[in-house]
Amino acid sequence: MSYVTNLKCRECGQEYAVEPLHVCETCFGPLEVSYDYAKIKADLTQKKIESRPHNLWRYRELLPVESEPSVGLNSGFTPLLHAQRLGAELGVKRLYIKDDTVNHPTLSYKDRVVAVAISKAIEFGFKTVSCASTGNLATAVAAHAARAGLRCYIFMPEGVEAGKIVGSTIYGAQVITIRGNYDDVNRLCSEIADKYGWAFVNINLRPYYTEGAKTFGFEIAEQLGWRLPDHVVVPTAGGTILPKVAKAFKELKDLGLVKGGDFKIYSAQAAGAAPVIHALHKGTDLITPVKPNTIAKSIAIGNPADGFYVLRAVRDSGGWGEMASDAEIVDAIKLLARTEGIFAEPAGGTTLAVTLKLLAQKRIKSDELVVVSITGNGYKTLEAVADAIERPYKIEARLKDFDALYEQLGNGKEKIAGAA
């Protein structure tokens, strides 16, 4: 059973039928899914959610799918980790990491949005799915399409990390790289979607696709014992996830499913692709496109489709946003790995680096509950940190050689187990 009522323009309020549409014909504003919240409130309880399998479909009343889903059955419900060692180093006792580095099957938050989009594509009767992607979305679409038995075409800008190219082609998708940046790819894909009638998850299925990002926020609240954090830091690329996390928190509040109320949400961007942060700092709604230049390729989008709605969500919550240099991103990746054993891609390094800045600015206080969003796995972006880590030592297979190295490393005075 679906609780969806229609699609509605975010700007002028024009309503549309539940179809593969994404732009308002009246004002060209983006369309969003609307729900019958009164009916949801009557039917949905914490207990009902908790009784369901640990996947993103446990929140299905708040997702735009009617039939029983066949993909995403193991996606979502990733760990919310109390980062005690990292928190101790930063002086924050209630610091949590929402860890989508282990999301099934492709190790990023994109598995959430794609599971919902492809489920909707199946309902609409599409046989071919596609996307414009900087990498993580590509692997997620390819994997979920393979599971669903759909044809798949992937379009990416040149220069995407090798792990994401291999991670898309391995599933049998047709992968095409485009000479240009993500915005060039996105423009081409809009034309292809119109001509070929394919389901582009982040174009003509975008209203349904973006709803999947809410599950990231639903899980945070549930895993905190049905309460909202004081602060949540979220990376911004095209602007999908941050407004939807804010929407998820609002929905839970309005439905009476969470304790507490006020939360602040923060946008994190790489300095080499930070049009939203520039607009935020200037106090304007006008987002000036930039040409991305950063190691954080998964968030390297110079003209974010939903950037305005990121600004609105941040400002409405009383939050803020910052950017991080490539060097700061790498340092944060290493810090998270060293303290919590989590290897994040550069998008995750960006959110942690920005969190450090927010703490330094006293926007986040040390006694408050903070959630840092880590949305992708570092094993897919090894190039970003390859030159910033120590090389392994090489010795002969002789004990005396190891003894010499051990001494060289400053451990010569350490007592050896079993020695007198």
Foldseek 3Di string as FASTA:
>chain_A
DEQWDFKAFPPPGDTHHPDLAFADPPPRGGIAIDGPLVVCLVPDAPVQLVVDDQWLCSPVRLAGADDDFQPRPQFHNADWAQQCQLLVVLLFRFETERAQCPGPDQRFLLLQLLSQLVSVCVVNPAQEEEEQALFSNLLNNLVRCLSVVGAYEYEYEPPRFPLRVCSNCVSPHHYDYDDAHSVVRVVVVVVVCVPVVHHHSCHSVVNNSLLSLCSSLVSVCVVVVQAHFQEEEAEAALNRNQLSSLVSLVSCVVSVRHPDHAHAYEYFAAPQAPQLQVCQVVVHLDRDFDQGDELQSRRRHRHRNCSSSNSVSRVVRVHHYDHHYLVQLLVQQVSCCVRPVARAASSLSRQRSGVSVCVVVVVDDSHTNYYYYGGHGNVSRCVSCVVPDDDDDDDDPDPVRVLVVCVVVVNNPPDDPPDD
